[in-house]
């Protein structure tokens, strides 16, 4: 979310009508706590940075003498390192079954089910636009402007992913976003929707996150031994330092990535359908 979006959503409703000289540290902290308490710890720190920039500008333009914003230590520290994720085959199977049993909105359910199949970053998924998809070619092309590394990205679509998109198309296809907000179709789904849905399904923050679908895919694809590490990394859209090598890899690995994404969709189906059976992930056989 851009700065203006953060301010409109998390700051203006509580501080927007106050003169800059009348805003106190405790009132700012109370505003930040609202963001923190909904589980968006990193967003709370980003909003604090936005507020800090506003007050620094006020000081620089002689509208204010001191900055009242609270110290960052007053907020919960965001977790660093790997996102919580389930990577054991039995646990993955149970998760995929749980996603298909979600009883909330259809838009949220389809987004949840698509997330492990495409394993893009959560922001790239929730802001997906219909114009980016070519279901006939079975590709999702995400423009550079929406990618973390500012490099366009191709997501080959498995049959399972295409089926989900076709299911949701009659509902959201006439609009811009594949997964629009419940508050209006002119904007994408909220950043907290999918993680909140996972909590509804009984998965705690320390057990599974929306971002954890990327860790799940990375771990299991690498452990399968069937795919080159570079192809997996390219599909994860991890940054490539060498621009020439990045362009080469994008073309070199696409055929392999297409096969890999269909194999991955089939494996998730197999894990979901295996129940209490034991599945040999490398071979795909169920015992």
Protein backbone atom coordinates (compact mmCIF):
# COMPACT_ATOMS: atom_id res chain seq x y z
CA UNK A 1 0.00 0.00 0.00
CA UNK A 2 1.31 3.45 -0.85
CA UNK A 3 1.77 6.23 1.72
CA UNK A 4 -1.50 7.98 0.85
CA UNK A 5 -3.38 4.72 1.24
CA UNK A 6 -1.89 4.07 4.68
CA UNK A 7 -2.78 7.57 5.83
CA UNK A 8 -6.34 7.40 4.51
CA UNK A 9 -6.96 4.02 6.11
CA UNK A 10 -5.08 4.19 9.40
CA UNK A 11 -4.43 7.84 10.28
CA UNK A 12 -6.92 10.35 8.86
CA UNK A 13 -10.02 8.84 10.52
CA UNK A 14 -8.52 9.53 13.96
CA UNK A 15 -6.01 12.35 13.46
CA UNK A 16 -6.96 13.96 10.16
CA UNK A 17 -9.21 16.67 11.60
CA UNK A 18 -6.75 17.75 14.31
CA UNK A 19 -4.33 20.65 13.85
CA UNK A 20 -0.73 19.46 13.75
CA UNK A 21 0.02 21.44 16.92
CA UNK A 22 -2.73 19.63 18.81
CA UNK A 23 -1.63 16.05 18.10
CA UNK A 24 0.09 14.44 21.07
CA UNK A 25 2.35 11.42 21.39
CA UNK A 26 -0.24 9.35 23.31
CA UNK A 27 -2.85 10.06 20.65
CA UNK A 28 -0.47 8.94 17.90
CA UNK A 29 0.37 5.80 19.88
CA UNK A 30 -3.34 5.04 20.30
CA UNK A 31 -3.77 5.33 16.53
CA UNK A 32 -0.81 3.01 15.90
CA UNK A 33 -2.15 0.49 18.41
CA UNK A 34 -5.29 0.10 16.30
CA UNK A 35 -3.12 -1.07 13.40
CA UNK A 36 -1.00 -3.28 15.64
CA UNK A 37 -4.00 -4.92 17.34
CA UNK A 38 -5.42 -6.21 14.07
CA UNK A 39 -2.20 -8.19 13.59
CA UNK A 40 -0.46 -5.77 11.21
CA UNK A 41 2.69 -5.16 13.23
CA UNK A 42 4.89 -4.20 10.27
CA UNK A 43 2.16 -1.89 8.96
CA UNK A 44 2.04 -0.15 12.33
CA UNK A 45 5.76 0.64 12.03
CA UNK A 46 5.30 1.85 8.45
CA UNK A 47 2.42 4.11 9.51
CA UNK A 48 4.64 5.47 12.30
CA UNK A 49 7.29 6.31 9.69
CA UNK A 50 4.67 8.14 7.60
CA UNK A 51 3.55 10.17 10.62
CA UNK A 52 7.18 10.87 11.50
CA UNK A 53 7.80 12.28 8.00
CA UNK A 54 4.80 14.60 8.33
CA UNK A 55 6.01 16.00 11.65
CA UNK A 56 9.58 16.42 10.38
CA UNK A 57 8.17 18.46 7.50
CA UNK A 58 6.13 20.51 9.98
CA UNK A 59 9.30 21.23 11.95
CA UNK A 60 11.29 22.10 8.81
CA UNK A 61 8.58 24.58 7.75
CA UNK A 62 8.41 26.14 11.24
CA UNK A 63 4.88 24.92 11.96
CA UNK A 64 6.04 22.86 14.92
CA UNK A 65 8.95 22.91 17.35
CA UNK A 66 9.09 19.27 18.43
CA UNK A 67 8.13 15.89 17.03
CA UNK A 68 5.60 14.14 19.33
CA UNK A 69 5.67 10.75 17.60
CA UNK A 70 6.30 7.82 19.95
CA UNK A 71 9.52 5.83 19.83
CA UNK A 72 9.41 2.63 17.80
CA UNK A 73 10.11 0.63 20.98
CA UNK A 74 6.59 1.49 22.13
CA UNK A 75 5.27 -0.88 19.45
CA UNK A 76 5.58 -4.63 19.14
CA UNK A 77 8.60 -5.55 17.08
CA UNK A 78 7.84 -7.19 13.71
CA UNK A 79 8.99 -10.77 13.33
CA UNK A 80 12.02 -11.20 11.11
CA UNK A 81 13.25 -14.18 9.18
CA UNK A 82 11.13 -16.88 7.61
CA UNK A 83 7.37 -16.63 7.58
CA UNK A 84 5.46 -19.35 9.41
CA UNK A 85 4.72 -22.18 7.02
CA UNK A 86 3.63 -25.82 6.87
CA UNK A 87 6.01 -27.95 4.81
CA UNK A 88 5.43 -31.57 5.86
CA UNK A 89 3.32 -33.47 3.28
CA UNK A 90 0.64 -34.60 5.75
CA UNK A 91 0.24 -31.09 7.11
CA UNK A 92 0.08 -29.64 3.61
CA UNK A 93 -2.64 -32.10 2.67
CA UNK A 94 -4.68 -31.11 5.70
CA UNK A 95 -4.21 -27.42 4.89
CA UNK A 96 -5.37 -27.82 1.28
CA UNK A 97 -8.47 -29.66 2.48
CA UNK A 98 -9.12 -26.90 5.01
CA UNK A 99 -8.88 -24.20 2.34
CA UNK A 100 -11.52 -25.95 0.23
CA UNK A 101 -13.84 -26.11 3.25
CA UNK A 102 -13.70 -22.36 3.99
CA UNK A 103 -17.24 -21.03 4.49
CA UNK A 104 -16.63 -17.30 4.11
CA UNK A 105 -17.02 -15.27 0.91
CA UNK A 106 -16.35 -17.01 -2.40
CA UNK A 107 -13.79 -14.32 -3.34
CA UNK A 108 -11.75 -15.06 -0.21
CA UNK A 109 -12.11 -18.82 -0.65
CA UNK A 110 -10.85 -18.79 -4.25
CA UNK A 111 -7.93 -16.51 -3.29
CA UNK A 112 -7.01 -18.93 -0.48
CA UNK A 113 -7.14 -21.91 -2.84
CA UNK A 114 -5.15 -20.14 -5.56
CA UNK A 115 -2.41 -18.96 -3.18
CA UNK A 116 -0.57 -22.31 -2.84
CA UNK A 117 -0.93 -23.04 -6.55
CA UNK A 118 0.80 -19.84 -7.72
CA UNK A 119 2.84 -18.99 -4.57
CA UNK A 120 3.34 -15.34 -5.49
CA UNK A 121 3.72 -12.68 -2.78
CA UNK A 122 0.45 -11.87 -0.98
CA UNK A 123 0.31 -8.34 -2.36
CA UNK A 124 0.77 -9.61 -5.92
CA UNK A 125 -2.09 -12.06 -5.45
CA UNK A 126 -4.67 -9.83 -3.81
CA UNK A 127 -4.15 -7.02 -6.35
CA UNK A 128 -4.29 -9.33 -9.38
CA UNK A 129 -6.14 -7.79 -12.35
CA UNK A 130 -8.08 -9.71 -14.98
CA UNK A 131 -6.16 -8.04 -17.80
CA UNK A 132 -3.00 -9.79 -16.59
CA UNK A 133 -4.41 -13.27 -17.29
CA UNK A 134 -4.50 -15.26 -20.50
CA UNK A 135 -6.38 -18.45 -19.67
CA UNK A 136 -6.04 -19.77 -23.20
CA UNK A 137 -2.24 -19.61 -23.01
CA UNK A 138 -2.39 -20.57 -19.30
CA UNK A 139 -0.26 -17.65 -18.11
CA UNK A 140 -0.49 -14.84 -15.60
CA UNK A 141 1.83 -11.97 -16.50
CA UNK A 142 2.38 -9.60 -13.58
CA UNK A 143 3.71 -6.20 -14.71
CA UNK A 144 6.98 -4.89 -13.29
CA UNK A 145 5.22 -2.06 -11.44
CA UNK A 146 3.50 -4.61 -9.19
CA UNK A 147 6.55 -6.77 -8.50
CA UNK A 148 8.87 -6.35 -5.53
CA UNK A 149 11.94 -6.39 -7.76
CA UNK A 150 10.32 -4.19 -10.41
CA UNK A 151 10.80 -6.92 -13.03
CA UNK A 152 7.79 -8.39 -14.84
CA UNK A 153 6.95 -11.96 -13.88
CA UNK A 154 5.27 -14.88 -15.65
CA UNK A 155 3.25 -17.38 -13.64
CA UNK A 156 2.36 -20.52 -15.65
CA UNK A 157 -1.13 -21.61 -14.65
CA UNK A 158 -1.89 -25.23 -13.84
CA UNK A 159 -5.24 -26.77 -14.74
CA UNK A 160 -6.21 -26.43 -11.10
CA UNK A 161 -5.43 -22.69 -11.09
CA UNK A 162 -7.37 -22.12 -14.33
CA UNK A 163 -10.39 -23.96 -12.89
CA UNK A 164 -10.43 -21.64 -9.88
CA UNK A 165 -10.14 -18.52 -12.05
CA UNK A 166 -12.98 -19.72 -14.25
CA UNK A 167 -15.08 -20.31 -11.16
CA UNK A 168 -14.63 -16.75 -9.88
CA UNK A 169 -14.81 -15.03 -13.28
CA UNK A 170 -18.64 -14.77 -13.47
CA UNK A 171 -18.58 -12.92 -10.14
CA UNK A 172 -15.61 -10.55 -10.50
CA UNK A 173 -14.72 -10.80 -14.21
CA UNK A 174 -16.69 -7.67 -15.21
CA UNK A 175 -14.51 -5.62 -12.84
CA UNK A 176 -10.83 -4.74 -12.68
CA UNK A 177 -9.66 -6.90 -9.79
CA UNK A 178 -9.86 -10.68 -9.56
CA UNK A 179 -10.20 -10.36 -5.78
CA UNK A 180 -11.91 -7.03 -5.05
CA UNK A 181 -12.46 -5.60 -1.60
CA UNK A 182 -15.74 -6.32 0.16
CA UNK A 183 -16.02 -2.56 0.66
CA UNK A 184 -16.00 -1.76 -3.04
CA UNK A 185 -14.84 -3.32 -6.30
CA UNK A 186 -12.73 -0.28 -7.18
CA UNK A 187 -9.94 -1.50 -4.90
CA UNK A 188 -8.35 -4.89 -4.21
CA UNK A 189 -8.86 -7.19 -1.28
CA UNK A 190 -7.51 -5.98 2.07
CA UNK A 191 -4.00 -7.00 3.03
CA UNK A 192 -5.34 -8.75 6.14
CA UNK A 193 -8.17 -10.75 4.57
CA UNK A 194 -6.34 -13.98 3.77
CA UNK A 195 -4.39 -14.19 7.01
CA UNK A 196 -7.64 -13.56 8.91
CA UNK A 197 -9.24 -16.40 6.94
CA UNK A 198 -6.40 -18.73 7.93
CA UNK A 199 -7.03 -17.84 11.58
CA UNK A 200 -10.73 -18.63 11.06
CA UNK A 201 -9.69 -22.06 9.80
CA UNK A 202 -7.72 -22.62 13.00
CA UNK A 203 -4.17 -21.88 11.82
CA UNK A 204 -2.32 -19.66 14.30
CA UNK A 205 0.07 -16.89 13.27
CA UNK A 206 3.05 -18.98 14.30
CA UNK A 207 1.81 -21.96 12.29
CA UNK A 208 0.85 -20.61 8.85
CA UNK A 209 0.74 -17.26 7.03
CA UNK A 210 -0.29 -16.28 3.52
CA UNK A 211 3.37 -15.57 2.74
CA UNK A 212 4.13 -19.08 4.02
CA UNK A 213 2.72 -20.58 0.81
CA UNK A 214 5.96 -19.44 -0.85
CA UNK A 215 8.08 -21.24 1.75
CA UNK A 216 5.89 -24.31 1.37
CA UNK A 217 6.39 -24.43 -2.40
CA UNK A 218 10.10 -23.61 -2.25
CA UNK A 219 10.81 -26.29 0.35
CA UNK A 220 8.80 -29.06 -1.27
CA UNK A 221 9.81 -28.33 -4.86
CA UNK A 222 13.47 -28.37 -3.87
CA UNK A 223 13.05 -31.53 -1.81
CA UNK A 224 11.35 -33.32 -4.71
CA UNK A 225 14.64 -33.35 -6.62
CA UNK A 226 12.77 -33.02 -9.91
CA UNK A 227 13.46 -29.37 -10.74
CA UNK A 228 16.53 -27.21 -11.11
CA UNK A 229 17.07 -24.84 -8.23
CA UNK A 230 17.40 -21.89 -10.64
CA UNK A 231 13.99 -22.68 -12.15
CA UNK A 232 12.40 -22.73 -8.70
CA UNK A 233 14.09 -19.46 -7.76
CA UNK A 234 12.92 -17.87 -11.01
CA UNK A 235 9.35 -18.98 -10.31
CA UNK A 236 9.59 -17.47 -6.84
CA UNK A 237 10.70 -14.21 -8.54
CA UNK A 238 13.68 -13.93 -6.25
CA UNK A 239 15.93 -11.05 -7.22
CA UNK A 240 18.69 -11.73 -9.72
CA UNK A 241 21.66 -9.38 -9.30
CA UNK A 242 22.87 -9.75 -12.87
CA UNK A 243 20.29 -8.18 -15.23
CA UNK A 244 21.60 -10.07 -18.28
CA UNK A 245 21.47 -13.39 -16.42
CA UNK A 246 17.95 -12.52 -15.17
CA UNK A 247 16.70 -11.97 -18.72
CA UNK A 248 18.36 -15.19 -19.89
CA UNK A 249 16.91 -17.23 -17.06
CA UNK A 250 13.41 -15.88 -17.65
CA UNK A 251 13.44 -17.35 -21.15
CA UNK A 252 15.56 -20.43 -20.41
CA UNK A 253 13.46 -21.81 -17.57
CA UNK A 254 9.91 -21.04 -18.72
CA UNK A 255 9.24 -24.46 -20.34
CA UNK A 256 10.53 -26.19 -17.21
CA UNK A 257 8.50 -23.87 -14.99
CA UNK A 258 5.33 -24.72 -16.92
CA UNK A 259 5.89 -28.42 -16.32
CA UNK A 260 6.81 -27.74 -12.71
CA UNK A 261 3.68 -25.71 -11.98
CA UNK A 262 1.40 -28.43 -13.35
CA UNK A 263 3.30 -31.07 -11.39
CA UNK A 264 2.91 -28.91 -8.27
CA UNK A 265 -0.84 -28.56 -8.81
CA UNK A 266 -1.12 -32.35 -9.21
CA UNK A 267 0.93 -32.95 -6.07
CA UNK A 268 -1.27 -30.64 -4.00
CA UNK A 269 -4.29 -32.57 -5.26
CA UNK A 270 -2.63 -35.86 -4.35
CA UNK A 271 -1.71 -34.62 -0.87
CA UNK A 272 -5.22 -33.29 -0.30
CA UNK A 273 -6.82 -36.56 -1.42
CA UNK A 274 -4.41 -38.82 0.46
CA UNK A 275 -6.08 -38.32 3.84
CA UNK A 276 -4.37 -40.50 6.39
CA UNK A 277 -2.45 -42.39 3.68
CA UNK A 278 1.30 -41.99 3.41
CA UNK A 279 2.52 -40.20 0.28
CA UNK A 280 6.04 -40.49 -1.13
CA UNK A 281 6.49 -36.89 -2.26
CA UNK A 282 9.45 -37.55 -4.55
CA UNK A 283 7.66 -40.26 -6.50
CA UNK A 284 4.11 -39.02 -6.10
CA UNK A 285 2.91 -42.54 -5.19
CA UNK A 286 0.42 -43.06 -2.38
CA UNK A 287 0.96 -46.07 -0.17
